Amino acid sequence: MCIVDAPETDQPLGIESRNKLRELLKGGRVEFYPIEQDRYGRTVAELAVMIGSPKEIFVNEKMVSTDMAYHYAQYSGL
């Protein structure tokens, strides 16, 4: 499990991060694995995009590996 945080659109790299997420989600079926709610009531989840059997992209990890989100190791249980 890879818990991440991405910048808001008004923060540095926010627009680029949003665009990368859109790119990753396009053309596949999104699988949503809720983990918990954060202190603001938002759902923390792992996302995967199924782009063919058995091909899947783990969105959280891909966003971190492309520097479009930050890994929160202290919350990931790693």
PDB file of N, CA and C in Angstrom:
ATOM      1  N   MET A   1       0.839  -1.166   0.000  1.00  0.00           N
ATOM      2  CA  MET A   1       0.000   0.000   0.000  1.00  0.00           C
ATOM      3  C   MET A   1       0.890   1.236   0.000  1.00  0.00           C
ATOM      4  N   CYS A   2       0.533   2.180  -0.824  1.00  0.00           N
ATOM      5  CA  CYS A   2       1.317   3.402  -0.965  1.00  0.00           C
ATOM      6  C   CYS A   2       0.393   4.600  -0.768  1.00  0.00           C
ATOM      7  N   ILE A   3       0.431   5.197   0.425  1.00  0.00           N
ATOM      8  CA  ILE A   3      -0.381   6.374   0.710  1.00  0.00           C
ATOM      9  C   ILE A   3       0.360   7.593   0.177  1.00  0.00           C
ATOM     10  N   VAL A   4      -0.353   8.409  -0.595  1.00  0.00           N
ATOM     11  CA  VAL A   4       0.283   9.564  -1.230  1.00  0.00           C
ATOM     12  C   VAL A   4      -0.538  10.824  -1.003  1.00  0.00           C
ATOM     13  N   ASP A   5       0.106  11.940  -1.263  1.00  0.00           N
ATOM     14  CA  ASP A   5      -0.557  13.242  -1.259  1.00  0.00           C
ATOM     15  C   ASP A   5      -0.081  13.969  -2.501  1.00  0.00           C
ATOM     16  N   ALA A   6      -1.015  14.525  -3.237  1.00  0.00           N
ATOM     17  CA  ALA A   6      -0.678  15.278  -4.441  1.00  0.00           C
ATOM     18  C   ALA A   6      -0.935  16.754  -4.179  1.00  0.00           C
ATOM     19  N   PRO A   7      -0.193  17.624  -4.855  1.00  0.00           N
ATOM     20  CA  PRO A   7      -0.404  19.062  -4.649  1.00  0.00           C
ATOM     21  C   PRO A   7      -1.773  19.510  -5.143  1.00  0.00           C
ATOM     22  N   GLU A   8      -2.317  20.505  -4.480  1.00  0.00           N
ATOM     23  CA  GLU A   8      -3.556  21.139  -4.928  1.00  0.00           C
ATOM     24  C   GLU A   8      -3.263  21.919  -6.201  1.00  0.00           C
ATOM     25  N   THR A   9      -4.291  22.199  -6.990  1.00  0.00           N
ATOM     26  CA  THR A   9      -4.061  22.857  -8.283  1.00  0.00           C
ATOM     27  C   THR A   9      -3.457  24.243  -8.164  1.00  0.00           C
ATOM     28  N   ASP A  10      -3.619  24.907  -7.007  1.00  0.00           N
ATOM     29  CA  ASP A  10      -3.019  26.237  -6.834  1.00  0.00           C
ATOM     30  C   ASP A  10      -1.627  26.177  -6.209  1.00  0.00           C
ATOM     31  N   GLN A  11      -1.090  24.974  -6.016  1.00  0.00           N
ATOM     32  CA  GLN A  11       0.259  24.798  -5.481  1.00  0.00           C
ATOM     33  C   GLN A  11       1.217  24.465  -6.627  1.00  0.00           C
ATOM     34  N   PRO A  12       2.535  24.618  -6.397  1.00  0.00           N
ATOM     35  CA  PRO A  12       3.494  24.245  -7.440  1.00  0.00           C
ATOM     36  C   PRO A  12       3.270  22.795  -7.891  1.00  0.00           C
ATOM     37  N   LEU A  13       3.293  22.576  -9.178  1.00  0.00           N
ATOM     38  CA  LEU A  13       3.066  21.296  -9.850  1.00  0.00           C
ATOM     39  C   LEU A  13       1.643  20.767  -9.710  1.00  0.00           C
ATOM     40  N   GLY A  14       0.736  21.567  -9.187  1.00  0.00           N
ATOM     41  CA  GLY A  14      -0.640  21.114  -9.003  1.00  0.00           C
ATOM     42  C   GLY A  14      -1.348  20.789 -10.306  1.00  0.00           C
ATOM     43  N   ILE A  15      -1.223  21.664 -11.290  1.00  0.00           N
ATOM     44  CA  ILE A  15      -1.863  21.439 -12.585  1.00  0.00           C
ATOM     45  C   ILE A  15      -1.240  20.224 -13.272  1.00  0.00           C
ATOM     46  N   GLU A  16       0.078  20.132 -13.218  1.00  0.00           N
ATOM     47  CA  GLU A  16       0.780  18.994 -13.841  1.00  0.00           C
ATOM     48  C   GLU A  16       0.369  17.679 -13.174  1.00  0.00           C
ATOM     49  N   SER A  17       0.245  17.690 -11.856  1.00  0.00           N
ATOM     50  CA  SER A  17      -0.167  16.502 -11.127  1.00  0.00           C
ATOM     51  C   SER A  17      -1.584  16.091 -11.532  1.00  0.00           C
ATOM     52  N   ARG A  18      -2.486  17.051 -11.583  1.00  0.00           N
ATOM     53  CA  ARG A  18      -3.863  16.772 -12.007  1.00  0.00           C
ATOM     54  C   ARG A  18      -3.896  16.181 -13.415  1.00  0.00           C
ATOM     55  N   ASN A  19      -3.110  16.747 -14.311  1.00  0.00           N
ATOM     56  CA  ASN A  19      -3.080  16.263 -15.689  1.00  0.00           C
ATOM     57  C   ASN A  19      -2.518  14.850 -15.774  1.00  0.00           C
ATOM     58  N   LYS A  20      -1.501  14.550 -14.985  1.00  0.00           N
ATOM     59  CA  LYS A  20      -0.929  13.199 -14.965  1.00  0.00           C
ATOM     60  C   LYS A  20      -1.961  12.202 -14.462  1.00  0.00           C
ATOM     61  N   LEU A  21      -2.703  12.554 -13.433  1.00  0.00           N
ATOM     62  CA  LEU A  21      -3.742  11.670 -12.918  1.00  0.00           C
ATOM     63  C   LEU A  21      -4.803  11.418 -13.991  1.00  0.00           C
ATOM     64  N   ARG A  22      -5.228  12.451 -14.675  1.00  0.00           N
ATOM     65  CA  ARG A  22      -6.200  12.289 -15.759  1.00  0.00           C
ATOM     66  C   ARG A  22      -5.673  11.346 -16.837  1.00  0.00           C
ATOM     67  N   GLU A  23      -4.401  11.511 -17.174  1.00  0.00           N
ATOM     68  CA  GLU A  23      -3.777  10.662 -18.193  1.00  0.00           C
ATOM     69  C   GLU A  23      -3.788   9.198 -17.753  1.00  0.00           C
ATOM     70  N   LEU A  24      -3.444   8.949 -16.492  1.00  0.00           N
ATOM     71  CA  LEU A  24      -3.400   7.574 -15.991  1.00  0.00           C
ATOM     72  C   LEU A  24      -4.777   6.919 -15.950  1.00  0.00           C
ATOM     73  N   LEU A  25      -5.805   7.700 -15.664  1.00  0.00           N
ATOM     74  CA  LEU A  25      -7.148   7.145 -15.520  1.00  0.00           C
ATOM     75  C   LEU A  25      -7.879   6.954 -16.847  1.00  0.00           C
ATOM     76  N   LYS A  26      -7.360   7.572 -17.904  1.00  0.00           N
ATOM     77  CA  LYS A  26      -8.032   7.510 -19.202  1.00  0.00           C
ATOM     78  C   LYS A  26      -7.874   6.124 -19.831  1.00  0.00           C
ATOM     79  N   GLY A  27      -8.976   5.606 -20.327  1.00  0.00           N
ATOM     80  CA  GLY A  27      -8.917   4.385 -21.117  1.00  0.00           C
ATOM     81  C   GLY A  27      -8.933   3.088 -20.340  1.00  0.00           C
ATOM     82  N   GLY A  28      -9.217   3.145 -19.066  1.00  0.00           N
ATOM     83  CA  GLY A  28      -9.251   1.914 -18.291  1.00  0.00           C
ATOM     84  C   GLY A  28     -10.364   1.928 -17.261  1.00  0.00           C
ATOM     85  N   ARG A  29     -10.556   0.792 -16.641  1.00  0.00           N
ATOM     86  CA  ARG A  29     -11.543   0.681 -15.569  1.00  0.00           C
ATOM     87  C   ARG A  29     -10.831   0.932 -14.247  1.00  0.00           C
ATOM     88  N   VAL A  30     -11.323   1.883 -13.476  1.00  0.00           N
ATOM     89  CA  VAL A  30     -10.681   2.264 -12.216  1.00  0.00           C
ATOM     90  C   VAL A  30     -11.166   1.350 -11.093  1.00  0.00           C
ATOM     91  N   GLU A  31     -10.233   0.782 -10.363  1.00  0.00           N
ATOM     92  CA  GLU A  31     -10.519  -0.002  -9.163  1.00  0.00           C
ATOM     93  C   GLU A  31     -10.155   0.875  -7.973  1.00  0.00           C
ATOM     94  N   PHE A  32     -11.054   0.968  -7.025  1.00  0.00           N
ATOM     95  CA  PHE A  32     -10.931   1.859  -5.875  1.00  0.00           C
ATOM     96  C   PHE A  32     -10.926   1.004  -4.622  1.00  0.00           C
ATOM     97  N   TYR A  33      -9.831   1.067  -3.842  1.00  0.00           N
ATOM     98  CA  TYR A  33      -9.690   0.264  -2.625  1.00  0.00           C
ATOM     99  C   TYR A  33      -9.596   1.193  -1.419  1.00  0.00           C
ATOM    100  N   PRO A  34     -10.748   1.501  -0.776  1.00  0.00           N
ATOM    101  CA  PRO A  34     -10.709   2.413   0.378  1.00  0.00           C
ATOM    102  C   PRO A  34      -9.913   1.811   1.528  1.00  0.00           C
ATOM    103  N   ILE A  35      -9.146   2.658   2.208  1.00  0.00           N
ATOM    104  CA  ILE A  35      -8.306   2.217   3.318  1.00  0.00           C
ATOM    105  C   ILE A  35      -8.827   2.792   4.630  1.00  0.00           C
ATOM    106  N   GLU A  36      -9.049   4.104   4.643  1.00  0.00           N
ATOM    107  CA  GLU A  36      -9.524   4.772   5.852  1.00  0.00           C
ATOM    108  C   GLU A  36      -9.972   6.177   5.486  1.00  0.00           C
ATOM    109  N   GLN A  37     -10.413   6.926   6.487  1.00  0.00           N
ATOM    110  CA  GLN A  37     -10.692   8.345   6.293  1.00  0.00           C
ATOM    111  C   GLN A  37      -9.648   9.145   7.045  1.00  0.00           C
ATOM    112  N   ASP A  38      -9.227  10.263   6.445  1.00  0.00           N
ATOM    113  CA  ASP A  38      -8.250  11.111   7.118  1.00  0.00           C
ATOM    114  C   ASP A  38      -8.953  12.031   8.110  1.00  0.00           C
ATOM    115  N   ARG A  39      -8.178  12.858   8.768  1.00  0.00           N
ATOM    116  CA  ARG A  39      -8.744  13.717   9.808  1.00  0.00           C
ATOM    117  C   ARG A  39      -9.693  14.776   9.262  1.00  0.00           C
ATOM    118  N   TYR A  40      -9.711  14.968   7.936  1.00  0.00           N
ATOM    119  CA  TYR A  40     -10.622  15.914   7.310  1.00  0.00           C
ATOM    120  C   TYR A  40     -11.870  15.225   6.754  1.00  0.00           C
ATOM    121  N   GLY A  41     -11.977  13.920   6.974  1.00  0.00           N
ATOM    122  CA  GLY A  41     -13.123  13.164   6.491  1.00  0.00           C
ATOM    123  C   GLY A  41     -13.010  12.681   5.051  1.00  0.00           C
ATOM    124  N   ARG A  42     -11.830  12.857   4.440  1.00  0.00           N
ATOM    125  CA  ARG A  42     -11.625  12.407   3.066  1.00  0.00           C
ATOM    126  C   ARG A  42     -11.255  10.925   3.058  1.00  0.00           C
ATOM    127  N   THR A  43     -11.692  10.224   2.053  1.00  0.00           N
ATOM    128  CA  THR A  43     -11.360   8.814   1.924  1.00  0.00           C
ATOM    129  C   THR A  43      -9.935   8.662   1.410  1.00  0.00           C
ATOM    130  N   VAL A  44      -9.144   7.884   2.127  1.00  0.00           N
ATOM    131  CA  VAL A  44      -7.791   7.516   1.702  1.00  0.00           C
ATOM    132  C   VAL A  44      -7.940   6.164   1.002  1.00  0.00           C
ATOM    133  N   ALA A  45      -7.429   6.057  -0.215  1.00  0.00           N
ATOM    134  CA  ALA A  45      -7.643   4.840  -0.989  1.00  0.00           C
ATOM    135  C   ALA A  45      -6.447   4.536  -1.880  1.00  0.00           C
ATOM    136  N   GLU A  46      -6.336   3.284  -2.247  1.00  0.00           N
ATOM    137  CA  GLU A  46      -5.393   2.828  -3.265  1.00  0.00           C
ATOM    138  C   GLU A  46      -6.181   2.758  -4.568  1.00  0.00           C
ATOM    139  N   LEU A  47      -5.612   3.269  -5.652  1.00  0.00           N
ATOM    140  CA  LEU A  47      -6.273   3.229  -6.956  1.00  0.00           C
ATOM    141  C   LEU A  47      -5.477   2.375  -7.921  1.00  0.00           C
ATOM    142  N   ALA A  48      -6.193   1.631  -8.730  1.00  0.00           N
ATOM    143  CA  ALA A  48      -5.586   0.871  -9.813  1.00  0.00           C
ATOM    144  C   ALA A  48      -6.433   1.076 -11.056  1.00  0.00           C
ATOM    145  N   VAL A  49      -5.787   1.064 -12.203  1.00  0.00           N
ATOM    146  CA  VAL A  49      -6.504   1.162 -13.475  1.00  0.00           C
ATOM    147  C   VAL A  49      -6.266  -0.140 -14.219  1.00  0.00           C
ATOM    148  N   MET A  50      -7.354  -0.791 -14.572  1.00  0.00           N
ATOM    149  CA  MET A  50      -7.294  -2.043 -15.316  1.00  0.00           C
ATOM    150  C   MET A  50      -7.324  -1.677 -16.802  1.00  0.00           C
ATOM    151  N   ILE A  51      -6.247  -1.997 -17.503  1.00  0.00           N
ATOM    152  CA  ILE A  51      -6.172  -1.643 -18.924  1.00  0.00           C
ATOM    153  C   ILE A  51      -6.042  -2.880 -19.794  1.00  0.00           C
ATOM    154  N   GLY A  52      -6.585  -3.969 -19.317  1.00  0.00           N
ATOM    155  CA  GLY A  52      -6.525  -5.243 -20.008  1.00  0.00           C
ATOM    156  C   GLY A  52      -6.131  -6.319 -19.023  1.00  0.00           C
ATOM    157  N   SER A  53      -6.484  -7.522 -19.330  1.00  0.00           N
ATOM    158  CA  SER A  53      -6.195  -8.622 -18.410  1.00  0.00           C
ATOM    159  C   SER A  53      -4.847  -9.222 -18.758  1.00  0.00           C
ATOM    160  N   PRO A  54      -3.953  -9.362 -17.839  1.00  0.00           N
ATOM    161  CA  PRO A  54      -3.992  -8.987 -16.423  1.00  0.00           C
ATOM    162  C   PRO A  54      -3.291  -7.654 -16.156  1.00  0.00           C
ATOM    163  N   LYS A  55      -3.227  -6.773 -17.116  1.00  0.00           N
ATOM    164  CA  LYS A  55      -2.482  -5.509 -16.984  1.00  0.00           C
ATOM    165  C   LYS A  55      -3.219  -4.522 -16.098  1.00  0.00           C
ATOM    166  N   GLU A  56      -2.518  -4.030 -15.081  1.00  0.00           N
ATOM    167  CA  GLU A  56      -3.073  -2.980 -14.242  1.00  0.00           C
ATOM    168  C   GLU A  56      -1.970  -2.020 -13.845  1.00  0.00           C
ATOM    169  N   ILE A  57      -2.354  -0.781 -13.645  1.00  0.00           N
ATOM    170  CA  ILE A  57      -1.429   0.267 -13.212  1.00  0.00           C
ATOM    171  C   ILE A  57      -1.857   0.692 -11.817  1.00  0.00           C
ATOM    172  N   PHE A  58      -0.924   0.660 -10.872  1.00  0.00           N
ATOM    173  CA  PHE A  58      -1.205   1.155  -9.532  1.00  0.00           C
ATOM    174  C   PHE A  58      -0.942   2.657  -9.536  1.00  0.00           C
ATOM    175  N   VAL A  59      -2.022   3.403  -9.490  1.00  0.00           N
ATOM    176  CA  VAL A  59      -1.981   4.845  -9.700  1.00  0.00           C
ATOM    177  C   VAL A  59      -1.151   5.552  -8.630  1.00  0.00           C
ATOM    178  N   ASN A  60      -1.326   5.180  -7.356  1.00  0.00           N
ATOM    179  CA  ASN A  60      -0.592   5.851  -6.281  1.00  0.00           C
ATOM    180  C   ASN A  60       0.915   5.748  -6.522  1.00  0.00           C
ATOM    181  N   GLU A  61       1.384   4.547  -6.816  1.00  0.00           N
ATOM    182  CA  GLU A  61       2.816   4.339  -7.046  1.00  0.00           C
ATOM    183  C   GLU A  61       3.303   5.069  -8.287  1.00  0.00           C
ATOM    184  N   LYS A  62       2.499   5.071  -9.338  1.00  0.00           N
ATOM    185  CA  LYS A  62       2.890   5.741 -10.579  1.00  0.00           C
ATOM    186  C   LYS A  62       2.996   7.252 -10.376  1.00  0.00           C
ATOM    187  N   MET A  63       2.066   7.815  -9.610  1.00  0.00           N
ATOM    188  CA  MET A  63       2.123   9.253  -9.336  1.00  0.00           C
ATOM    189  C   MET A  63       3.398   9.611  -8.573  1.00  0.00           C
ATOM    190  N   VAL A  64       3.803   8.788  -7.625  1.00  0.00           N
ATOM    191  CA  VAL A  64       5.034   9.035  -6.866  1.00  0.00           C
ATOM    192  C   VAL A  64       6.254   8.866  -7.769  1.00  0.00           C
ATOM    193  N   SER A  65       6.266   7.815  -8.575  1.00  0.00           N
ATOM    194  CA  SER A  65       7.449   7.539  -9.409  1.00  0.00           C
ATOM    195  C   SER A  65       7.662   8.595 -10.487  1.00  0.00           C
ATOM    196  N   THR A  66       6.613   9.350 -10.821  1.00  0.00           N
ATOM    197  CA  THR A  66       6.742  10.427 -11.805  1.00  0.00           C
ATOM    198  C   THR A  66       6.822  11.800 -11.125  1.00  0.00           C
ATOM    199  N   ASP A  67       7.022  11.810  -9.810  1.00  0.00           N
ATOM    200  CA  ASP A  67       7.154  13.040  -9.018  1.00  0.00           C
ATOM    201  C   ASP A  67       5.924  13.941  -9.077  1.00  0.00           C
ATOM    202  N   MET A  68       4.750  13.346  -9.236  1.00  0.00           N
ATOM    203  CA  MET A  68       3.504  14.109  -9.270  1.00  0.00           C
ATOM    204  C   MET A  68       2.713  13.967  -7.965  1.00  0.00           C
ATOM    205  N   ALA A  69       3.257  13.201  -7.010  1.00  0.00           N
ATOM    206  CA  ALA A  69       2.662  13.058  -5.671  1.00  0.00           C
ATOM    207  C   ALA A  69       3.791  12.678  -4.721  1.00  0.00           C
ATOM    208  N   TYR A  70       3.505  12.799  -3.437  1.00  0.00           N
ATOM    209  CA  TYR A  70       4.499  12.530  -2.406  1.00  0.00           C
ATOM    210  C   TYR A  70       4.071  11.322  -1.594  1.00  0.00           C
ATOM    211  N   HIS A  71       5.014  10.414  -1.358  1.00  0.00           N
ATOM    212  CA  HIS A  71       4.726   9.229  -0.558  1.00  0.00           C
ATOM    213  C   HIS A  71       4.727   9.566   0.929  1.00  0.00           C
ATOM    214  N   TYR A  72       3.669   9.175   1.610  1.00  0.00           N
ATOM    215  CA  TYR A  72       3.579   9.349   3.062  1.00  0.00           C
ATOM    216  C   TYR A  72       3.885   8.024   3.724  1.00  0.00           C
ATOM    217  N   ALA A  73       5.162   7.717   3.890  1.00  0.00           N
ATOM    218  CA  ALA A  73       5.577   6.438   4.446  1.00  0.00           C
ATOM    219  C   ALA A  73       5.030   6.204   5.849  1.00  0.00           C
ATOM    220  N   GLN A  74       4.933   7.260   6.650  1.00  0.00           N
ATOM    221  CA  GLN A  74       4.463   7.088   8.027  1.00  0.00           C
ATOM    222  C   GLN A  74       3.021   6.611   8.091  1.00  0.00           C
ATOM    223  N   TYR A  75       2.249   6.791   7.025  1.00  0.00           N
ATOM    224  CA  TYR A  75       0.856   6.331   6.996  1.00  0.00           C
ATOM    225  C   TYR A  75       0.650   5.092   6.139  1.00  0.00           C
ATOM    226  N   SER A  76       1.683   4.654   5.444  1.00  0.00           N
ATOM    227  CA  SER A  76       1.542   3.552   4.510  1.00  0.00           C
ATOM    228  C   SER A  76       1.704   2.176   5.141  1.00  0.00           C
ATOM    229  N   GLY A  77       2.157   2.107   6.371  1.00  0.00           N
ATOM    230  CA  GLY A  77       2.342   0.810   6.996  1.00  0.00           C
ATOM    231  C   GLY A  77       3.483   0.020   6.404  1.00  0.00           C
ATOM    232  N   LEU A  78       4.455   0.719   5.816  1.00  0.00           N
ATOM    233  CA  LEU A  78       5.598   0.043   5.199  1.00  0.00           C
ATOM    234  C   LEU A  78       6.785   0.021   6.135  1.00  0.00           C
TER     235      LEU A  78
END
